[in-house]
PDB file of N, CA and C in Angstrom:
ATOM      1  N   UNK A   1     -85.675  84.482  59.800  1.00  0.00           N
ATOM      2  CA  UNK A   1     -86.646  85.560  59.746  1.00  0.00           C
ATOM      3  C   UNK A   1     -87.534  85.483  60.989  1.00  0.00           C
ATOM      4  N   UNK A   2     -87.633  86.541  61.717  1.00  0.00           N
ATOM      5  CA  UNK A   2     -88.426  86.563  62.943  1.00  0.00           C
ATOM      6  C   UNK A   2     -89.903  86.375  62.631  1.00  0.00           C
ATOM      7  N   UNK A   3     -90.570  85.550  63.429  1.00  0.00           N
ATOM      8  CA  UNK A   3     -91.992  85.332  63.251  1.00  0.00           C
ATOM      9  C   UNK A   3     -92.336  84.250  62.253  1.00  0.00           C
ATOM     10  N   UNK A   4     -91.326  83.715  61.555  1.00  0.00           N
ATOM     11  CA  UNK A   4     -91.613  82.673  60.572  1.00  0.00           C
ATOM     12  C   UNK A   4     -91.677  81.309  61.252  1.00  0.00           C
ATOM     13  N   UNK A   5     -92.309  80.383  60.568  1.00  0.00           N
ATOM     14  CA  UNK A   5     -92.470  79.031  61.091  1.00  0.00           C
ATOM     15  C   UNK A   5     -91.683  78.066  60.218  1.00  0.00           C
ATOM     16  N   UNK A   6     -90.862  77.187  60.802  1.00  0.00           N
ATOM     17  CA  UNK A   6     -90.167  76.194  59.981  1.00  0.00           C
ATOM     18  C   UNK A   6     -91.185  75.216  59.392  1.00  0.00           C
ATOM     19  N   UNK A   7     -90.903  74.713  58.194  1.00  0.00           N
ATOM     20  CA  UNK A   7     -91.794  73.755  57.549  1.00  0.00           C
ATOM     21  C   UNK A   7     -91.723  72.435  58.310  1.00  0.00           C
ATOM     22  N   UNK A   8     -92.881  71.914  58.684  1.00  0.00           N
ATOM     23  CA  UNK A   8     -92.957  70.679  59.470  1.00  0.00           C
ATOM     24  C   UNK A   8     -93.669  69.593  58.679  1.00  0.00           C
ATOM     25  N   UNK A   9     -93.738  68.407  59.243  1.00  0.00           N
ATOM     26  CA  UNK A   9     -94.388  67.273  58.597  1.00  0.00           C
ATOM     27  C   UNK A   9     -95.889  67.499  58.473  1.00  0.00           C
ATOM     28  N   UNK A  10     -96.540  66.648  57.694  1.00  0.00           N
ATOM     29  CA  UNK A  10     -97.990  66.747  57.538  1.00  0.00           C
ATOM     30  C   UNK A  10     -98.681  65.978  58.664  1.00  0.00           C
ATOM     31  N   UNK A  11     -99.959  66.260  58.841  1.00  0.00           N
ATOM     32  CA  UNK A  11    -100.737  65.519  59.838  1.00  0.00           C
ATOM     33  C   UNK A  11    -100.812  64.040  59.456  1.00  0.00           C
ATOM     34  N   UNK A  12    -100.871  63.751  58.154  1.00  0.00           N
ATOM     35  CA  UNK A  12    -100.887  62.360  57.702  1.00  0.00           C
ATOM     36  C   UNK A  12     -99.606  61.631  58.077  1.00  0.00           C
ATOM     37  N   UNK A  13     -98.453  62.281  57.891  1.00  0.00           N
ATOM     38  CA  UNK A  13     -97.170  61.675  58.265  1.00  0.00           C
ATOM     39  C   UNK A  13     -97.101  61.451  59.770  1.00  0.00           C
ATOM     40  N   UNK A  14     -97.619  62.394  60.521  1.00  0.00           N
ATOM     41  CA  UNK A  14     -97.622  62.266  61.977  1.00  0.00           C
ATOM     42  C   UNK A  14     -98.476  61.071  62.405  1.00  0.00           C
ATOM     43  N   UNK A  15     -99.657  60.934  61.797  1.00  0.00           N
ATOM     44  CA  UNK A  15    -100.536  59.809  62.128  1.00  0.00           C
ATOM     45  C   UNK A  15     -99.922  58.476  61.712  1.00  0.00           C
ATOM     46  N   UNK A  16     -99.214  58.439  60.571  1.00  0.00           N
ATOM     47  CA  UNK A  16     -98.533  57.215  60.134  1.00  0.00           C
ATOM     48  C   UNK A  16     -97.510  56.757  61.164  1.00  0.00           C
ATOM     49  N   UNK A  17     -96.918  57.699  61.879  1.00  0.00           N
ATOM     50  CA  UNK A  17     -95.928  57.381  62.904  1.00  0.00           C
ATOM     51  C   UNK A  17     -96.574  56.981  64.223  1.00  0.00           C
ATOM     52  N   UNK A  18     -97.907  57.024  64.285  1.00  0.00           N
ATOM     53  CA  UNK A  18     -98.618  56.573  65.473  1.00  0.00           C
ATOM     54  C   UNK A  18     -99.105  57.657  66.410  1.00  0.00           C
ATOM     55  N   UNK A  19     -98.914  58.908  66.042  1.00  0.00           N
ATOM     56  CA  UNK A  19     -99.340  60.009  66.912  1.00  0.00           C
ATOM     57  C   UNK A  19    -100.746  60.454  66.533  1.00  0.00           C
ATOM     58  N   UNK A  20    -101.637  60.484  67.498  1.00  0.00           N
ATOM     59  CA  UNK A  20    -103.046  60.805  67.258  1.00  0.00           C
ATOM     60  C   UNK A  20    -103.462  62.164  67.808  1.00  0.00           C
ATOM     61  N   UNK A  21    -102.663  62.740  68.657  1.00  0.00           N
ATOM     62  CA  UNK A  21    -103.012  64.021  69.264  1.00  0.00           C
ATOM     63  C   UNK A  21    -101.859  65.002  69.187  1.00  0.00           C
ATOM     64  N   UNK A  22    -102.172  66.267  69.440  1.00  0.00           N
ATOM     65  CA  UNK A  22    -101.150  67.309  69.442  1.00  0.00           C
ATOM     66  C   UNK A  22    -101.248  68.138  70.716  1.00  0.00           C
ATOM     67  N   UNK A  23    -100.154  68.795  71.022  1.00  0.00           N
ATOM     68  CA  UNK A  23    -100.113  69.805  72.078  1.00  0.00           C
ATOM     69  C   UNK A  23     -99.760  71.115  71.387  1.00  0.00           C
ATOM     70  N   UNK A  24    -100.571  72.133  71.589  1.00  0.00           N
ATOM     71  CA  UNK A  24    -100.304  73.448  71.011  1.00  0.00           C
ATOM     72  C   UNK A  24     -99.818  74.351  72.136  1.00  0.00           C
ATOM     73  N   UNK A  25     -98.594  74.847  71.988  1.00  0.00           N
ATOM     74  CA  UNK A  25     -97.987  75.732  72.980  1.00  0.00           C
ATOM     75  C   UNK A  25     -98.079  77.176  72.499  1.00  0.00           C
ATOM     76  N   UNK A  26     -98.249  78.095  73.430  1.00  0.00           N
ATOM     77  CA  UNK A  26     -98.228  79.519  73.120  1.00  0.00           C
ATOM     78  C   UNK A  26     -96.847  79.884  72.573  1.00  0.00           C
ATOM     79  N   UNK A  27     -96.805  80.763  71.576  1.00  0.00           N
ATOM     80  CA  UNK A  27     -95.523  81.198  71.003  1.00  0.00           C
ATOM     81  C   UNK A  27     -94.736  82.071  71.983  1.00  0.00           C
ATOM     82  N   UNK A  28     -95.403  82.627  72.961  1.00  0.00           N
ATOM     83  CA  UNK A  28     -94.737  83.455  73.967  1.00  0.00           C
ATOM     84  C   UNK A  28     -94.226  82.537  75.076  1.00  0.00           C
ATOM     85  N   UNK A  29     -92.924  82.322  75.105  1.00  0.00           N
ATOM     86  CA  UNK A  29     -92.349  81.393  76.077  1.00  0.00           C
ATOM     87  C   UNK A  29     -92.560  81.848  77.516  1.00  0.00           C
ATOM     88  N   UNK A  30     -92.756  83.137  77.731  1.00  0.00           N
ATOM     89  CA  UNK A  30     -93.031  83.629  79.081  1.00  0.00           C
ATOM     90  C   UNK A  30     -94.420  83.187  79.539  1.00  0.00           C
ATOM     91  N   UNK A  31     -95.331  83.008  78.597  1.00  0.00           N
ATOM     92  CA  UNK A  31     -96.692  82.572  78.925  1.00  0.00           C
ATOM     93  C   UNK A  31     -96.712  81.061  79.171  1.00  0.00           C
ATOM     94  N   UNK A  32     -96.191  80.307  78.234  1.00  0.00           N
ATOM     95  CA  UNK A  32     -96.072  78.836  78.281  1.00  0.00           C
ATOM     96  C   UNK A  32     -97.402  78.093  78.422  1.00  0.00           C
ATOM     97  N   UNK A  33     -98.516  78.744  78.098  1.00  0.00           N
ATOM     98  CA  UNK A  33     -99.820  78.079  78.127  1.00  0.00           C
ATOM     99  C   UNK A  33     -99.865  77.027  77.020  1.00  0.00           C
ATOM    100  N   UNK A  34    -100.554  75.922  77.260  1.00  0.00           N
ATOM    101  CA  UNK A  34    -100.695  74.899  76.227  1.00  0.00           C
ATOM    102  C   UNK A  34    -102.046  74.218  76.338  1.00  0.00           C
ATOM    103  N   UNK A  35    -102.431  73.574  75.244  1.00  0.00           N
ATOM    104  CA  UNK A  35    -103.691  72.849  75.181  1.00  0.00           C
ATOM    105  C   UNK A  35    -103.476  71.592  74.333  1.00  0.00           C
ATOM    106  N   UNK A  36    -104.145  70.507  74.707  1.00  0.00           N
ATOM    107  CA  UNK A  36    -104.064  69.276  73.921  1.00  0.00           C
ATOM    108  C   UNK A  36    -105.336  69.130  73.092  1.00  0.00           C
ATOM    109  N   UNK A  37    -105.198  68.522  71.918  1.00  0.00           N
ATOM    110  CA  UNK A  37    -106.359  68.279  71.061  1.00  0.00           C
ATOM    111  C   UNK A  37    -106.067  67.145  70.090  1.00  0.00           C
ATOM    112  N   UNK A  38    -107.124  66.619  69.516  1.00  0.00           N
ATOM    113  CA  UNK A  38    -107.007  65.553  68.530  1.00  0.00           C
ATOM    114  C   UNK A  38    -106.470  66.120  67.224  1.00  0.00           C
ATOM    115  N   UNK A  39    -105.620  65.358  66.561  1.00  0.00           N
ATOM    116  CA  UNK A  39    -105.099  65.767  65.256  1.00  0.00           C
ATOM    117  C   UNK A  39    -106.038  65.364  64.129  1.00  0.00           C
ATOM    118  N   UNK A  40    -107.116  64.670  64.451  1.00  0.00           N
ATOM    119  CA  UNK A  40    -108.044  64.169  63.433  1.00  0.00           C
ATOM    120  C   UNK A  40    -108.864  65.264  62.760  1.00  0.00           C
ATOM    121  N   UNK A  41    -108.845  66.461  63.281  1.00  0.00           N
ATOM    122  CA  UNK A  41    -109.643  67.540  62.688  1.00  0.00           C
ATOM    123  C   UNK A  41    -109.027  68.092  61.408  1.00  0.00           C
ATOM    124  N   UNK A  42    -107.757  67.753  61.111  1.00  0.00           N
ATOM    125  CA  UNK A  42    -107.087  68.231  59.907  1.00  0.00           C
ATOM    126  C   UNK A  42    -106.848  67.080  58.935  1.00  0.00           C
ATOM    127  N   UNK A  43    -106.968  67.341  57.618  1.00  0.00           N
ATOM    128  CA  UNK A  43    -106.718  66.284  56.636  1.00  0.00           C
ATOM    129  C   UNK A  43    -105.233  65.934  56.547  1.00  0.00           C
ATOM    130  N   UNK A  44    -104.946  64.787  55.954  1.00  0.00           N
ATOM    131  CA  UNK A  44    -103.580  64.261  55.887  1.00  0.00           C
ATOM    132  C   UNK A  44    -102.581  65.195  55.208  1.00  0.00           C
ATOM    133  N   UNK A  45    -102.981  65.940  54.189  1.00  0.00           N
ATOM    134  CA  UNK A  45    -102.040  66.743  53.403  1.00  0.00           C
ATOM    135  C   UNK A  45    -101.628  68.058  54.081  1.00  0.00           C
ATOM    136  N   UNK A  46    -102.279  68.460  55.144  1.00  0.00           N
ATOM    137  CA  UNK A  46    -101.991  69.740  55.806  1.00  0.00           C
ATOM    138  C   UNK A  46    -100.756  69.607  56.697  1.00  0.00           C
ATOM    139  N   UNK A  47     -99.851  70.566  56.576  1.00  0.00           N
ATOM    140  CA  UNK A  47     -98.633  70.570  57.401  1.00  0.00           C
ATOM    141  C   UNK A  47     -98.921  71.227  58.753  1.00  0.00           C
ATOM    142  N   UNK A  48     -98.254  70.720  59.786  1.00  0.00           N
ATOM    143  CA  UNK A  48     -98.405  71.311  61.113  1.00  0.00           C
ATOM    144  C   UNK A  48     -98.071  72.801  61.063  1.00  0.00           C
ATOM    145  N   UNK A  49     -97.019  73.144  60.312  1.00  0.00           N
ATOM    146  CA  UNK A  49     -96.590  74.544  60.214  1.00  0.00           C
ATOM    147  C   UNK A  49     -97.603  75.422  59.481  1.00  0.00           C
ATOM    148  N   UNK A  50     -98.502  74.818  58.695  1.00  0.00           N
ATOM    149  CA  UNK A  50     -99.532  75.600  58.002  1.00  0.00           C
ATOM    150  C   UNK A  50    -100.601  76.118  58.961  1.00  0.00           C
ATOM    151  N   UNK A  51    -100.876  75.388  60.032  1.00  0.00           N
ATOM    152  CA  UNK A  51    -101.943  75.793  60.951  1.00  0.00           C
ATOM    153  C   UNK A  51    -101.423  76.515  62.199  1.00  0.00           C
ATOM    154  N   UNK A  52    -100.123  76.453  62.468  1.00  0.00           N
ATOM    155  CA  UNK A  52     -99.581  77.100  63.672  1.00  0.00           C
ATOM    156  C   UNK A  52     -99.926  78.584  63.769  1.00  0.00           C
ATOM    157  N   UNK A  53     -99.838  79.359  62.680  1.00  0.00           N
ATOM    158  CA  UNK A  53    -100.151  80.789  62.790  1.00  0.00           C
ATOM    159  C   UNK A  53    -101.614  81.089  63.118  1.00  0.00           C
ATOM    160  N   UNK A  54    -102.507  80.133  62.920  1.00  0.00           N
ATOM    161  CA  UNK A  54    -103.938  80.388  63.127  1.00  0.00           C
ATOM    162  C   UNK A  54    -104.380  80.302  64.584  1.00  0.00           C
ATOM    163  N   UNK A  55    -103.521  79.809  65.457  1.00  0.00           N
ATOM    164  CA  UNK A  55    -103.892  79.683  66.868  1.00  0.00           C
ATOM    165  C   UNK A  55    -103.713  81.006  67.601  1.00  0.00           C
ATOM    166  N   UNK A  56    -104.591  81.261  68.564  1.00  0.00           N
ATOM    167  CA  UNK A  56    -104.481  82.414  69.449  1.00  0.00           C
ATOM    168  C   UNK A  56    -104.532  81.899  70.881  1.00  0.00           C
ATOM    169  N   UNK A  57    -103.571  82.293  71.695  1.00  0.00           N
ATOM    170  CA  UNK A  57    -103.502  81.825  73.080  1.00  0.00           C
ATOM    171  C   UNK A  57    -104.698  82.353  73.875  1.00  0.00           C
ATOM    172  N   UNK A  58    -105.385  81.444  74.550  1.00  0.00           N
ATOM    173  CA  UNK A  58    -106.547  81.849  75.353  1.00  0.00           C
ATOM    174  C   UNK A  58    -106.130  82.461  76.688  1.00  0.00           C
ATOM    175  N   UNK A  59    -104.849  82.349  77.044  1.00  0.00           N
ATOM    176  CA  UNK A  59    -104.378  82.925  78.303  1.00  0.00           C
ATOM    177  C   UNK A  59    -103.849  84.350  78.122  1.00  0.00           C
ATOM    178  N   UNK A  60    -103.008  84.562  77.083  1.00  0.00           N
ATOM    179  CA  UNK A  60    -102.384  85.881  76.929  1.00  0.00           C
ATOM    180  C   UNK A  60    -102.816  86.625  75.668  1.00  0.00           C
ATOM    181  N   UNK A  61    -103.467  85.929  74.732  1.00  0.00           N
ATOM    182  CA  UNK A  61    -103.946  86.571  73.515  1.00  0.00           C
ATOM    183  C   UNK A  61    -102.946  86.642  72.380  1.00  0.00           C
ATOM    184  N   UNK A  62    -101.725  86.135  72.587  1.00  0.00           N
ATOM    185  CA  UNK A  62    -100.710  86.171  71.535  1.00  0.00           C
ATOM    186  C   UNK A  62    -101.127  85.275  70.378  1.00  0.00           C
ATOM    187  N   UNK A  63    -100.874  85.752  69.164  1.00  0.00           N
ATOM    188  CA  UNK A  63    -101.223  85.018  67.947  1.00  0.00           C
ATOM    189  C   UNK A  63    -100.099  84.050  67.586  1.00  0.00           C
ATOM    190  N   UNK A  64    -100.472  82.845  67.194  1.00  0.00           N
ATOM    191  CA  UNK A  64     -99.502  81.841  66.757  1.00  0.00           C
ATOM    192  C   UNK A  64     -99.243  80.807  67.828  1.00  0.00           C
ATOM    193  N   UNK A  65     -99.004  79.585  67.380  1.00  0.00           N
ATOM    194  CA  UNK A  65     -98.737  78.496  68.314  1.00  0.00           C
ATOM    195  C   UNK A  65     -97.586  77.641  67.842  1.00  0.00           C
ATOM    196  N   UNK A  66     -97.122  76.785  68.688  1.00  0.00           N
ATOM    197  CA  UNK A  66     -96.062  75.821  68.389  1.00  0.00           C
ATOM    198  C   UNK A  66     -96.668  74.446  68.607  1.00  0.00           C
ATOM    199  N   UNK A  67     -96.739  73.621  67.557  1.00  0.00           N
ATOM    200  CA  UNK A  67     -97.384  72.314  67.650  1.00  0.00           C
ATOM    201  C   UNK A  67     -96.352  71.216  67.844  1.00  0.00           C
ATOM    202  N   UNK A  68     -96.638  70.333  68.777  1.00  0.00           N
ATOM    203  CA  UNK A  68     -95.842  69.125  69.033  1.00  0.00           C
ATOM    204  C   UNK A  68     -96.800  67.948  69.142  1.00  0.00           C
ATOM    205  N   UNK A  69     -96.297  66.754  68.862  1.00  0.00           N
ATOM    206  CA  UNK A  69     -97.144  65.565  69.034  1.00  0.00           C
ATOM    207  C   UNK A  69     -97.338  65.298  70.522  1.00  0.00           C
ATOM    208  N   UNK A  70     -98.488  64.760  70.863  1.00  0.00           N
ATOM    209  CA  UNK A  70     -98.820  64.446  72.252  1.00  0.00           C
ATOM    210  C   UNK A  70     -98.440  62.995  72.528  1.00  0.00           C
ATOM    211  N   UNK A  71     -97.415  62.743  73.348  1.00  0.00           N
ATOM    212  CA  UNK A  71     -96.977  61.363  73.598  1.00  0.00           C
ATOM    213  C   UNK A  71     -98.025  60.502  74.288  1.00  0.00           C
ATOM    214  N   UNK A  72     -98.977  61.106  74.974  1.00  0.00           N
ATOM    215  CA  UNK A  72    -100.027  60.348  75.661  1.00  0.00           C
ATOM    216  C   UNK A  72    -100.932  59.633  74.655  1.00  0.00           C
ATOM    217  N   UNK A  73    -101.079  60.197  73.459  1.00  0.00           N
ATOM    218  CA  UNK A  73    -101.979  59.622  72.455  1.00  0.00           C
ATOM    219  C   UNK A  73    -101.262  58.715  71.462  1.00  0.00           C
ATOM    220  N   UNK A  74     -99.992  58.415  71.698  1.00  0.00           N
ATOM    221  CA  UNK A  74     -99.221  57.577  70.771  1.00  0.00           C
ATOM    222  C   UNK A  74     -99.767  56.154  70.736  1.00  0.00           C
ATOM    223  N   UNK A  75     -99.927  55.623  69.526  1.00  0.00           N
ATOM    224  CA  UNK A  75    -100.338  54.238  69.314  1.00  0.00           C
ATOM    225  C   UNK A  75     -99.318  53.627  68.364  1.00  0.00           C
ATOM    226  N   UNK A  76     -98.707  52.520  68.760  1.00  0.00           N
ATOM    227  CA  UNK A  76     -97.688  51.896  67.916  1.00  0.00           C
ATOM    228  C   UNK A  76     -98.305  51.511  66.572  1.00  0.00           C
ATOM    229  N   UNK A  77     -97.683  51.941  65.455  1.00  0.00           N
ATOM    230  CA  UNK A  77     -98.217  51.593  64.137  1.00  0.00           C
ATOM    231  C   UNK A  77     -98.240  50.080  63.928  1.00  0.00           C
ATOM    232  N   UNK A  78     -99.231  49.591  63.191  1.00  0.00           N
ATOM    233  CA  UNK A  78     -99.399  48.152  62.967  1.00  0.00           C
ATOM    234  C   UNK A  78     -98.206  47.543  62.248  1.00  0.00           C
ATOM    235  N   UNK A  79     -97.536  48.308  61.403  1.00  0.00           N
ATOM    236  CA  UNK A  79     -96.414  47.769  60.643  1.00  0.00           C
ATOM    237  C   UNK A  79     -95.109  47.727  61.439  1.00  0.00           C
ATOM    238  N   UNK A  80     -95.134  48.255  62.658  1.00  0.00           N
ATOM    239  CA  UNK A  80     -93.935  48.305  63.501  1.00  0.00           C
ATOM    240  C   UNK A  80     -93.495  46.904  63.904  1.00  0.00           C
ATOM    241  N   UNK A  81     -92.198  46.627  63.730  1.00  0.00           N
ATOM    242  CA  UNK A  81     -91.632  45.344  64.175  1.00  0.00           C
ATOM    243  C   UNK A  81     -90.332  45.617  64.913  1.00  0.00           C
ATOM    244  N   UNK A  82     -90.264  45.215  66.163  1.00  0.00           N
ATOM    245  CA  UNK A  82     -89.047  45.488  66.954  1.00  0.00           C
ATOM    246  C   UNK A  82     -87.842  44.723  66.459  1.00  0.00           C
TER     247      UNK A  82
END
């Protein structure tokens, strides 16, 4: 279905994996504007796909975003054992 968002993991699951920040990309691939932000502003039970439609691109004005984890903010989880 055009315009729909696939169901993604929760912010809590993302943080459990060691990711502390997100990158929000404009849904318009021709624009490709993005912004980084902390994932701490959302509670653990909220899915990334639940908040994607609420973003509006500050460059082109298109509604909706694509959220990815920010690798720069990755912290290895304490329970990780190589």
